[in-house]
């Protein structure tokens, strides 16, 4: 990871946001909270969940935040990825100059459900913690990748900037 210190992991959903935090050495991710969102609305500055993420960054002295970017198995991005990008940009603007990075989160929710089921957590109880479990997986993968490669994981989020456009390939 680029900076020593605690990191937050965020799993953005349409109804809930899962949050995890690492230890100050950036080795182990643990669950922190599940935050409610207003369904069907894009993230905006001042939203309760965005403000709570900012509060958690300050409380834990986080040096960075990783937000899961949901891609399809083929690596394509759909509406959920666009929502995660928009959420990450709002958080980045709110907590600047703390880093925000988007990391691939393919199958983390599936893995989180499986891990909870394997540990004996019943179906209805899973809903309350699956977002936190997914955030832990997102953050732990980012921490491990950063430690292994020596480079920051994923792609940086710059407040107020959109994803660069790619031109269609011409024959």
N, C-alpha and C. Protein backbone atom coordinates (compact mmCIF):
# COMPACT_ATOMS: atom_id res chain seq x y z
N UNK A 1 0.86 -1.17 0.00
CA UNK A 1 0.00 0.00 0.00
C UNK A 1 0.90 1.24 0.00
N UNK A 2 0.42 2.32 -0.57
CA UNK A 2 1.27 3.49 -0.70
C UNK A 2 1.58 4.19 0.61
N UNK A 3 0.67 4.21 1.55
CA UNK A 3 0.87 4.91 2.80
C UNK A 3 0.63 3.95 3.97
N UNK A 4 1.51 3.98 4.97
CA UNK A 4 1.24 3.16 6.15
C UNK A 4 0.08 3.77 6.94
N UNK A 5 -0.74 2.93 7.51
CA UNK A 5 -1.86 3.39 8.29
C UNK A 5 -3.11 2.60 7.97
N UNK A 6 -4.17 2.88 8.68
CA UNK A 6 -5.44 2.18 8.48
C UNK A 6 -6.06 2.56 7.14
N UNK A 7 -6.76 1.60 6.56
CA UNK A 7 -7.52 1.82 5.32
C UNK A 7 -8.95 1.41 5.56
N UNK A 8 -9.89 2.05 4.88
CA UNK A 8 -11.29 1.64 4.91
C UNK A 8 -11.63 0.95 3.60
N UNK A 9 -12.45 -0.08 3.68
CA UNK A 9 -12.99 -0.75 2.50
C UNK A 9 -14.48 -0.50 2.46
N UNK A 10 -15.01 -0.23 1.26
CA UNK A 10 -16.42 0.11 1.11
C UNK A 10 -17.03 -0.75 0.02
N UNK A 11 -18.15 -1.41 0.37
CA UNK A 11 -18.95 -2.17 -0.59
C UNK A 11 -20.24 -1.39 -0.80
N UNK A 12 -20.40 -0.81 -1.99
CA UNK A 12 -21.54 0.05 -2.27
C UNK A 12 -22.67 -0.77 -2.86
N UNK A 13 -23.82 -0.69 -2.24
CA UNK A 13 -25.02 -1.32 -2.77
C UNK A 13 -26.09 -0.26 -2.98
N UNK A 14 -27.20 -0.67 -3.55
CA UNK A 14 -28.27 0.30 -3.79
C UNK A 14 -29.06 0.60 -2.53
N UNK A 15 -29.03 -0.34 -1.55
CA UNK A 15 -29.79 -0.18 -0.32
C UNK A 15 -28.89 0.01 0.90
N UNK A 16 -27.72 -0.65 0.88
CA UNK A 16 -26.79 -0.61 2.01
C UNK A 16 -25.37 -0.42 1.52
N UNK A 17 -24.53 0.07 2.44
CA UNK A 17 -23.09 0.22 2.20
C UNK A 17 -22.38 -0.51 3.33
N UNK A 18 -21.54 -1.48 2.97
CA UNK A 18 -20.76 -2.18 3.97
C UNK A 18 -19.42 -1.49 4.13
N UNK A 19 -18.93 -1.42 5.36
CA UNK A 19 -17.65 -0.77 5.62
C UNK A 19 -16.78 -1.68 6.48
N UNK A 20 -15.51 -1.76 6.11
CA UNK A 20 -14.51 -2.50 6.86
C UNK A 20 -13.32 -1.59 7.09
N UNK A 21 -12.49 -1.92 8.07
CA UNK A 21 -11.29 -1.13 8.37
C UNK A 21 -10.13 -2.08 8.58
N UNK A 22 -8.95 -1.61 8.24
CA UNK A 22 -7.74 -2.41 8.49
C UNK A 22 -7.11 -1.95 9.80
N UNK A 23 -6.20 -2.77 10.29
CA UNK A 23 -5.40 -2.35 11.43
C UNK A 23 -4.45 -1.24 10.97
N UNK A 24 -3.80 -0.52 11.89
CA UNK A 24 -2.93 0.59 11.49
C UNK A 24 -1.74 0.18 10.61
N UNK A 25 -1.36 -1.10 10.64
CA UNK A 25 -0.27 -1.56 9.77
C UNK A 25 -0.75 -1.97 8.39
N UNK A 26 -2.05 -1.97 8.17
CA UNK A 26 -2.59 -2.34 6.86
C UNK A 26 -2.45 -3.81 6.54
N UNK A 27 -2.62 -4.67 7.56
CA UNK A 27 -2.45 -6.10 7.36
C UNK A 27 -3.77 -6.85 7.35
N UNK A 28 -4.67 -6.53 8.28
CA UNK A 28 -5.89 -7.32 8.46
C UNK A 28 -7.13 -6.44 8.40
N UNK A 29 -8.11 -6.86 7.60
CA UNK A 29 -9.38 -6.14 7.48
C UNK A 29 -10.41 -6.74 8.42
N UNK A 30 -11.19 -5.88 9.07
CA UNK A 30 -12.27 -6.33 9.94
C UNK A 30 -13.54 -5.51 9.65
N UNK A 31 -14.72 -6.10 9.89
CA UNK A 31 -15.97 -5.38 9.62
C UNK A 31 -16.18 -4.24 10.61
N UNK A 32 -16.84 -3.17 10.13
CA UNK A 32 -17.10 -2.02 10.99
C UNK A 32 -18.59 -1.70 11.05
N UNK A 33 -19.24 -1.54 9.89
CA UNK A 33 -20.63 -1.06 9.91
C UNK A 33 -21.34 -1.39 8.61
N UNK A 34 -22.66 -1.42 8.70
CA UNK A 34 -23.52 -1.45 7.53
C UNK A 34 -24.34 -0.18 7.59
N UNK A 35 -24.24 0.62 6.54
CA UNK A 35 -24.92 1.91 6.50
C UNK A 35 -26.11 1.85 5.55
N UNK A 36 -27.21 2.47 5.93
CA UNK A 36 -28.40 2.50 5.08
C UNK A 36 -28.26 3.59 4.02
N UNK A 37 -28.80 3.30 2.84
CA UNK A 37 -28.86 4.28 1.76
C UNK A 37 -30.31 4.48 1.37
N UNK A 38 -30.60 5.60 0.73
CA UNK A 38 -31.93 5.81 0.18
C UNK A 38 -31.97 5.13 -1.18
N UNK A 39 -32.77 4.06 -1.31
CA UNK A 39 -32.79 3.30 -2.57
C UNK A 39 -33.18 4.17 -3.76
N UNK A 40 -32.53 3.91 -4.88
CA UNK A 40 -32.88 4.57 -6.12
C UNK A 40 -32.35 5.98 -6.28
N UNK A 41 -31.51 6.45 -5.36
CA UNK A 41 -30.97 7.80 -5.49
C UNK A 41 -29.45 7.73 -5.59
N UNK A 42 -28.85 8.54 -6.45
CA UNK A 42 -27.39 8.55 -6.51
C UNK A 42 -26.81 9.21 -5.27
N UNK A 43 -25.58 8.84 -4.96
CA UNK A 43 -24.91 9.43 -3.80
C UNK A 43 -24.70 10.92 -4.02
N UNK A 44 -24.80 11.67 -2.94
CA UNK A 44 -24.60 13.12 -3.02
C UNK A 44 -23.93 13.58 -1.74
N UNK A 45 -23.21 14.67 -1.85
CA UNK A 45 -22.58 15.26 -0.67
C UNK A 45 -23.65 15.55 0.36
N UNK A 46 -23.35 15.22 1.60
CA UNK A 46 -24.30 15.47 2.68
C UNK A 46 -25.19 14.28 3.00
N UNK A 47 -25.20 13.24 2.16
CA UNK A 47 -25.98 12.04 2.46
C UNK A 47 -25.46 11.44 3.77
N UNK A 48 -26.37 10.88 4.55
CA UNK A 48 -25.99 10.30 5.84
C UNK A 48 -24.89 9.25 5.71
N UNK A 49 -24.99 8.38 4.69
CA UNK A 49 -24.00 7.31 4.55
C UNK A 49 -22.64 7.88 4.13
N UNK A 50 -22.61 8.87 3.28
CA UNK A 50 -21.35 9.50 2.87
C UNK A 50 -20.72 10.19 4.08
N UNK A 51 -21.53 10.87 4.87
CA UNK A 51 -21.02 11.55 6.06
C UNK A 51 -20.50 10.54 7.08
N UNK A 52 -21.16 9.38 7.18
CA UNK A 52 -20.70 8.35 8.12
C UNK A 52 -19.37 7.75 7.65
N UNK A 53 -19.20 7.55 6.34
CA UNK A 53 -17.90 7.08 5.82
C UNK A 53 -16.82 8.11 6.18
N UNK A 54 -17.11 9.39 5.98
CA UNK A 54 -16.14 10.45 6.32
C UNK A 54 -15.82 10.43 7.81
N UNK A 55 -16.83 10.21 8.63
CA UNK A 55 -16.62 10.15 10.08
C UNK A 55 -15.74 8.96 10.44
N UNK A 56 -15.97 7.82 9.80
CA UNK A 56 -15.16 6.62 10.06
C UNK A 56 -13.72 6.81 9.61
N UNK A 57 -13.52 7.52 8.49
CA UNK A 57 -12.16 7.84 8.04
C UNK A 57 -11.44 8.63 9.12
N UNK A 58 -12.11 9.65 9.65
CA UNK A 58 -11.50 10.48 10.70
C UNK A 58 -11.29 9.69 11.98
N UNK A 59 -12.29 8.92 12.39
CA UNK A 59 -12.21 8.16 13.63
C UNK A 59 -11.04 7.17 13.63
N UNK A 60 -10.82 6.51 12.50
CA UNK A 60 -9.77 5.50 12.41
C UNK A 60 -8.45 6.07 11.89
N UNK A 61 -8.44 7.36 11.58
CA UNK A 61 -7.22 7.96 11.04
C UNK A 61 -6.82 7.31 9.73
N UNK A 62 -7.81 6.97 8.92
CA UNK A 62 -7.54 6.24 7.67
C UNK A 62 -6.72 7.08 6.70
N UNK A 63 -5.77 6.43 6.06
CA UNK A 63 -4.94 7.09 5.06
C UNK A 63 -5.47 6.86 3.66
N UNK A 64 -6.44 5.97 3.53
CA UNK A 64 -7.01 5.68 2.22
C UNK A 64 -8.30 4.89 2.34
N UNK A 65 -9.07 4.92 1.25
CA UNK A 65 -10.33 4.19 1.15
C UNK A 65 -10.32 3.43 -0.16
N UNK A 66 -10.72 2.16 -0.11
CA UNK A 66 -10.91 1.40 -1.34
C UNK A 66 -12.40 1.11 -1.47
N UNK A 67 -12.92 1.38 -2.66
CA UNK A 67 -14.33 1.17 -2.97
C UNK A 67 -14.40 0.06 -4.01
N UNK A 68 -15.25 -0.92 -3.76
CA UNK A 68 -15.40 -2.03 -4.69
C UNK A 68 -16.05 -1.58 -5.98
N UNK A 69 -15.49 -2.03 -7.10
CA UNK A 69 -16.02 -1.73 -8.43
C UNK A 69 -16.60 -3.02 -9.01
N UNK A 70 -17.94 -3.14 -9.03
CA UNK A 70 -18.55 -4.38 -9.50
C UNK A 70 -18.51 -4.49 -11.02
N UNK A 71 -17.74 -5.44 -11.49
CA UNK A 71 -17.64 -5.72 -12.92
C UNK A 71 -18.29 -7.07 -13.19
N UNK A 72 -18.65 -7.28 -14.44
CA UNK A 72 -19.17 -8.58 -14.83
C UNK A 72 -18.00 -9.55 -14.91
N UNK A 73 -18.31 -10.84 -15.05
CA UNK A 73 -17.24 -11.83 -15.16
C UNK A 73 -16.35 -11.56 -16.37
N UNK A 74 -16.90 -10.92 -17.40
CA UNK A 74 -16.10 -10.57 -18.58
C UNK A 74 -15.29 -9.29 -18.38
N UNK A 75 -15.50 -8.62 -17.25
CA UNK A 75 -14.76 -7.39 -16.98
C UNK A 75 -15.47 -6.13 -17.43
N UNK A 76 -16.70 -6.28 -17.93
CA UNK A 76 -17.47 -5.11 -18.37
C UNK A 76 -18.04 -4.38 -17.16
N UNK A 77 -18.43 -3.13 -17.39
CA UNK A 77 -19.05 -2.33 -16.34
C UNK A 77 -20.47 -2.01 -16.73
N UNK A 78 -21.38 -2.17 -15.78
CA UNK A 78 -22.78 -1.86 -16.00
C UNK A 78 -23.24 -0.76 -15.07
N UNK A 79 -24.55 -0.68 -14.84
CA UNK A 79 -25.10 0.36 -13.98
C UNK A 79 -24.56 0.32 -12.54
N UNK A 80 -24.33 -0.86 -12.00
CA UNK A 80 -23.81 -0.95 -10.63
C UNK A 80 -22.40 -0.35 -10.55
N UNK A 81 -21.59 -0.58 -11.57
CA UNK A 81 -20.24 -0.01 -11.59
C UNK A 81 -20.30 1.51 -11.71
N UNK A 82 -21.22 2.00 -12.53
CA UNK A 82 -21.38 3.45 -12.66
C UNK A 82 -21.78 4.05 -11.32
N UNK A 83 -22.66 3.37 -10.59
CA UNK A 83 -23.06 3.84 -9.27
C UNK A 83 -21.90 3.85 -8.28
N UNK A 84 -21.06 2.80 -8.34
CA UNK A 84 -19.89 2.73 -7.45
C UNK A 84 -18.89 3.84 -7.79
N UNK A 85 -18.69 4.10 -9.08
CA UNK A 85 -17.78 5.18 -9.49
C UNK A 85 -18.30 6.53 -8.97
N UNK A 86 -19.60 6.75 -9.10
CA UNK A 86 -20.18 8.01 -8.67
C UNK A 86 -20.07 8.14 -7.15
N UNK A 87 -20.34 7.05 -6.44
CA UNK A 87 -20.24 7.06 -4.97
C UNK A 87 -18.80 7.36 -4.55
N UNK A 88 -17.84 6.70 -5.20
CA UNK A 88 -16.42 6.91 -4.88
C UNK A 88 -16.02 8.36 -5.11
N UNK A 89 -16.52 8.97 -6.17
CA UNK A 89 -16.19 10.37 -6.46
C UNK A 89 -16.75 11.30 -5.39
N UNK A 90 -17.97 11.02 -4.91
CA UNK A 90 -18.57 11.85 -3.87
C UNK A 90 -17.77 11.70 -2.57
N UNK A 91 -17.42 10.46 -2.23
CA UNK A 91 -16.62 10.23 -1.02
C UNK A 91 -15.26 10.91 -1.15
N UNK A 92 -14.63 10.78 -2.32
CA UNK A 92 -13.31 11.39 -2.54
C UNK A 92 -13.36 12.90 -2.35
N UNK A 93 -14.41 13.52 -2.85
CA UNK A 93 -14.55 14.97 -2.69
C UNK A 93 -14.75 15.33 -1.21
N UNK A 94 -15.46 14.47 -0.49
CA UNK A 94 -15.76 14.75 0.92
C UNK A 94 -14.55 14.57 1.83
N UNK A 95 -13.68 13.58 1.53
CA UNK A 95 -12.58 13.27 2.45
C UNK A 95 -11.21 13.71 1.95
N UNK A 96 -11.16 14.41 0.82
CA UNK A 96 -9.87 14.87 0.29
C UNK A 96 -9.09 15.57 1.40
N UNK A 97 -7.81 15.36 1.51
CA UNK A 97 -6.87 14.75 0.58
C UNK A 97 -6.63 13.25 0.78
N UNK A 98 -7.47 12.58 1.59
CA UNK A 98 -7.32 11.13 1.77
C UNK A 98 -7.59 10.43 0.43
N UNK A 99 -6.75 9.46 0.11
CA UNK A 99 -6.87 8.73 -1.15
C UNK A 99 -8.15 7.91 -1.20
N UNK A 100 -8.73 7.80 -2.39
CA UNK A 100 -9.83 6.87 -2.67
C UNK A 100 -9.44 6.13 -3.93
N UNK A 101 -9.58 4.79 -3.90
CA UNK A 101 -9.23 3.96 -5.05
C UNK A 101 -10.36 2.98 -5.32
N UNK A 102 -10.60 2.70 -6.59
CA UNK A 102 -11.58 1.70 -7.00
C UNK A 102 -10.86 0.39 -7.26
N UNK A 103 -11.38 -0.70 -6.69
CA UNK A 103 -10.78 -2.01 -6.89
C UNK A 103 -11.85 -3.00 -7.37
N UNK A 104 -11.43 -3.89 -8.25
CA UNK A 104 -12.32 -4.91 -8.81
C UNK A 104 -12.89 -5.76 -7.68
N UNK A 105 -14.20 -5.92 -7.67
CA UNK A 105 -14.82 -6.69 -6.59
C UNK A 105 -15.65 -7.85 -7.12
N UNK A 106 -15.29 -8.37 -8.29
CA UNK A 106 -16.06 -9.48 -8.84
C UNK A 106 -16.23 -10.60 -7.84
N UNK A 107 -17.45 -11.03 -7.66
CA UNK A 107 -17.83 -12.18 -6.83
C UNK A 107 -17.65 -11.99 -5.33
N UNK A 108 -17.35 -10.80 -4.84
CA UNK A 108 -17.17 -10.66 -3.40
C UNK A 108 -18.46 -10.90 -2.63
N UNK A 109 -19.60 -10.47 -3.17
CA UNK A 109 -20.86 -10.71 -2.47
C UNK A 109 -21.18 -12.20 -2.44
N UNK A 110 -20.90 -12.90 -3.53
CA UNK A 110 -21.11 -14.35 -3.57
C UNK A 110 -20.20 -15.02 -2.54
N UNK A 111 -18.94 -14.63 -2.51
CA UNK A 111 -18.00 -15.20 -1.54
C UNK A 111 -18.41 -14.87 -0.11
N UNK A 112 -18.91 -13.65 0.11
CA UNK A 112 -19.34 -13.25 1.45
C UNK A 112 -20.53 -14.10 1.91
N UNK A 113 -21.52 -14.29 1.03
CA UNK A 113 -22.66 -15.14 1.36
C UNK A 113 -22.21 -16.56 1.69
N UNK A 114 -21.30 -17.08 0.89
CA UNK A 114 -20.80 -18.44 1.10
C UNK A 114 -20.09 -18.55 2.45
N UNK A 115 -19.22 -17.59 2.76
CA UNK A 115 -18.49 -17.62 4.02
C UNK A 115 -19.43 -17.52 5.21
N UNK A 116 -20.44 -16.67 5.10
CA UNK A 116 -21.40 -16.54 6.20
C UNK A 116 -22.21 -17.83 6.38
N UNK A 117 -22.64 -18.41 5.27
CA UNK A 117 -23.38 -19.67 5.34
C UNK A 117 -22.53 -20.77 5.95
N UNK A 118 -21.26 -20.85 5.51
CA UNK A 118 -20.35 -21.87 6.03
C UNK A 118 -20.06 -21.68 7.52
N UNK A 119 -20.16 -20.44 8.01
CA UNK A 119 -19.91 -20.19 9.43
C UNK A 119 -21.17 -20.30 10.28
N UNK A 120 -22.29 -20.68 9.63
CA UNK A 120 -23.52 -20.92 10.38
C UNK A 120 -24.46 -19.75 10.51
N UNK A 121 -24.22 -18.66 9.80
CA UNK A 121 -25.12 -17.51 9.87
C UNK A 121 -26.32 -17.79 8.98
N UNK A 122 -27.53 -17.73 9.56
CA UNK A 122 -28.75 -18.05 8.84
C UNK A 122 -29.05 -17.00 7.76
N UNK A 123 -29.85 -17.39 6.77
CA UNK A 123 -30.18 -16.55 5.62
C UNK A 123 -30.65 -15.16 5.96
N UNK A 124 -31.63 -15.03 6.86
CA UNK A 124 -32.15 -13.71 7.20
C UNK A 124 -31.11 -12.86 7.93
N UNK A 125 -30.32 -13.48 8.77
CA UNK A 125 -29.29 -12.74 9.51
C UNK A 125 -28.15 -12.31 8.60
N UNK A 126 -28.00 -13.00 7.45
CA UNK A 126 -26.93 -12.65 6.52
C UNK A 126 -27.10 -11.25 5.96
N UNK A 127 -28.35 -10.85 5.70
CA UNK A 127 -28.59 -9.53 5.10
C UNK A 127 -27.99 -8.40 5.91
N UNK A 128 -28.00 -8.55 7.23
CA UNK A 128 -27.50 -7.49 8.11
C UNK A 128 -25.98 -7.37 8.05
N UNK A 129 -25.28 -8.44 7.69
CA UNK A 129 -23.82 -8.40 7.76
C UNK A 129 -23.11 -8.72 6.44
N UNK A 130 -23.86 -9.12 5.40
CA UNK A 130 -23.19 -9.52 4.16
C UNK A 130 -22.44 -8.35 3.52
N UNK A 131 -22.95 -7.14 3.65
CA UNK A 131 -22.27 -5.98 3.07
C UNK A 131 -20.95 -5.71 3.79
N UNK A 132 -20.94 -5.90 5.11
CA UNK A 132 -19.69 -5.76 5.87
C UNK A 132 -18.70 -6.85 5.46
N UNK A 133 -19.21 -8.08 5.30
CA UNK A 133 -18.33 -9.19 4.90
C UNK A 133 -17.75 -8.94 3.52
N UNK A 134 -18.55 -8.41 2.60
CA UNK A 134 -18.04 -8.08 1.26
C UNK A 134 -17.00 -6.97 1.35
N UNK A 135 -17.24 -5.97 2.20
CA UNK A 135 -16.26 -4.88 2.38
C UNK A 135 -14.94 -5.43 2.92
N UNK A 136 -15.02 -6.41 3.83
CA UNK A 136 -13.81 -7.03 4.36
C UNK A 136 -13.04 -7.72 3.22
N UNK A 137 -13.75 -8.46 2.37
CA UNK A 137 -13.09 -9.15 1.25
C UNK A 137 -12.45 -8.15 0.28
N UNK A 138 -13.16 -7.07 -0.02
CA UNK A 138 -12.63 -6.04 -0.92
C UNK A 138 -11.36 -5.44 -0.32
N UNK A 139 -11.43 -5.06 0.95
CA UNK A 139 -10.28 -4.42 1.59
C UNK A 139 -9.12 -5.39 1.75
N UNK A 140 -9.39 -6.62 2.18
CA UNK A 140 -8.31 -7.58 2.38
C UNK A 140 -7.59 -7.88 1.08
N UNK A 141 -8.35 -8.02 -0.01
CA UNK A 141 -7.73 -8.25 -1.32
C UNK A 141 -6.85 -7.07 -1.71
N UNK A 142 -7.34 -5.85 -1.48
CA UNK A 142 -6.56 -4.65 -1.80
C UNK A 142 -5.28 -4.58 -0.95
N UNK A 143 -5.40 -4.88 0.34
CA UNK A 143 -4.23 -4.85 1.22
C UNK A 143 -3.19 -5.88 0.77
N UNK A 144 -3.66 -7.09 0.49
CA UNK A 144 -2.75 -8.16 0.05
C UNK A 144 -2.08 -7.81 -1.28
N UNK A 145 -2.85 -7.26 -2.20
CA UNK A 145 -2.30 -6.86 -3.50
C UNK A 145 -1.25 -5.78 -3.33
N UNK A 146 -1.56 -4.78 -2.52
CA UNK A 146 -0.61 -3.69 -2.29
C UNK A 146 0.67 -4.17 -1.65
N UNK A 147 0.53 -5.09 -0.70
CA UNK A 147 1.72 -5.62 -0.02
C UNK A 147 2.55 -6.48 -0.97
N UNK A 148 1.90 -7.27 -1.82
CA UNK A 148 2.59 -8.16 -2.74
C UNK A 148 3.29 -7.39 -3.87
N UNK A 149 2.59 -6.42 -4.44
CA UNK A 149 3.14 -5.70 -5.59
C UNK A 149 3.94 -4.47 -5.21
N UNK A 150 3.68 -3.93 -4.02
CA UNK A 150 4.33 -2.69 -3.64
C UNK A 150 3.69 -1.46 -4.27
N UNK A 151 2.62 -1.69 -5.03
CA UNK A 151 1.93 -0.59 -5.70
C UNK A 151 0.52 -0.48 -5.14
N UNK A 152 -0.07 0.71 -5.20
CA UNK A 152 -1.44 0.85 -4.74
C UNK A 152 -2.38 0.00 -5.61
N UNK A 153 -3.39 -0.62 -5.01
CA UNK A 153 -4.31 -1.44 -5.79
C UNK A 153 -5.30 -0.58 -6.56
N UNK A 154 -5.84 -1.14 -7.63
CA UNK A 154 -6.92 -0.50 -8.36
C UNK A 154 -6.54 0.80 -9.03
N UNK A 155 -7.55 1.63 -9.22
CA UNK A 155 -7.36 2.92 -9.91
C UNK A 155 -7.75 4.07 -9.00
N UNK A 156 -7.01 5.17 -9.09
CA UNK A 156 -7.33 6.31 -8.22
C UNK A 156 -8.62 6.99 -8.63
N UNK A 157 -9.29 7.56 -7.65
CA UNK A 157 -10.50 8.36 -7.89
C UNK A 157 -10.12 9.79 -7.61
N UNK A 158 -10.37 10.64 -8.56
CA UNK A 158 -10.09 12.06 -8.39
C UNK A 158 -11.42 12.80 -8.30
N UNK A 159 -11.63 13.53 -7.24
CA UNK A 159 -12.90 14.24 -7.08
C UNK A 159 -13.19 15.13 -8.28
N UNK A 160 -14.44 15.08 -8.75
CA UNK A 160 -14.86 15.96 -9.84
C UNK A 160 -14.41 15.53 -11.21
N UNK A 161 -13.81 14.36 -11.34
CA UNK A 161 -13.36 13.90 -12.66
C UNK A 161 -14.13 12.65 -13.02
N UNK A 162 -14.49 12.57 -14.28
CA UNK A 162 -15.19 11.39 -14.77
C UNK A 162 -14.20 10.38 -15.31
N UNK A 163 -14.70 9.15 -15.49
CA UNK A 163 -13.88 8.11 -16.09
C UNK A 163 -13.50 8.57 -17.50
N UNK A 164 -12.23 8.41 -17.88
CA UNK A 164 -11.84 8.83 -19.22
C UNK A 164 -12.58 8.03 -20.28
N UNK A 165 -12.95 8.72 -21.33
CA UNK A 165 -13.64 8.04 -22.43
C UNK A 165 -12.64 7.26 -23.27
N UNK A 166 -13.10 6.16 -23.79
CA UNK A 166 -12.27 5.40 -24.71
C UNK A 166 -12.94 5.44 -26.07
N UNK A 167 -12.18 5.74 -27.08
CA UNK A 167 -12.72 5.83 -28.43
C UNK A 167 -12.96 4.44 -28.98
N UNK A 168 -14.01 4.30 -29.77
CA UNK A 168 -14.25 3.02 -30.42
C UNK A 168 -13.12 2.74 -31.40
N UNK A 169 -12.72 1.51 -31.43
CA UNK A 169 -11.65 1.14 -32.37
C UNK A 169 -12.22 1.20 -33.79
N UNK A 170 -11.51 1.83 -34.67
CA UNK A 170 -11.92 1.94 -36.09
C UNK A 170 -11.16 0.92 -36.91
N UNK A 171 -11.88 0.23 -37.83
CA UNK A 171 -11.16 -0.75 -38.66
C UNK A 171 -10.18 -0.11 -39.60
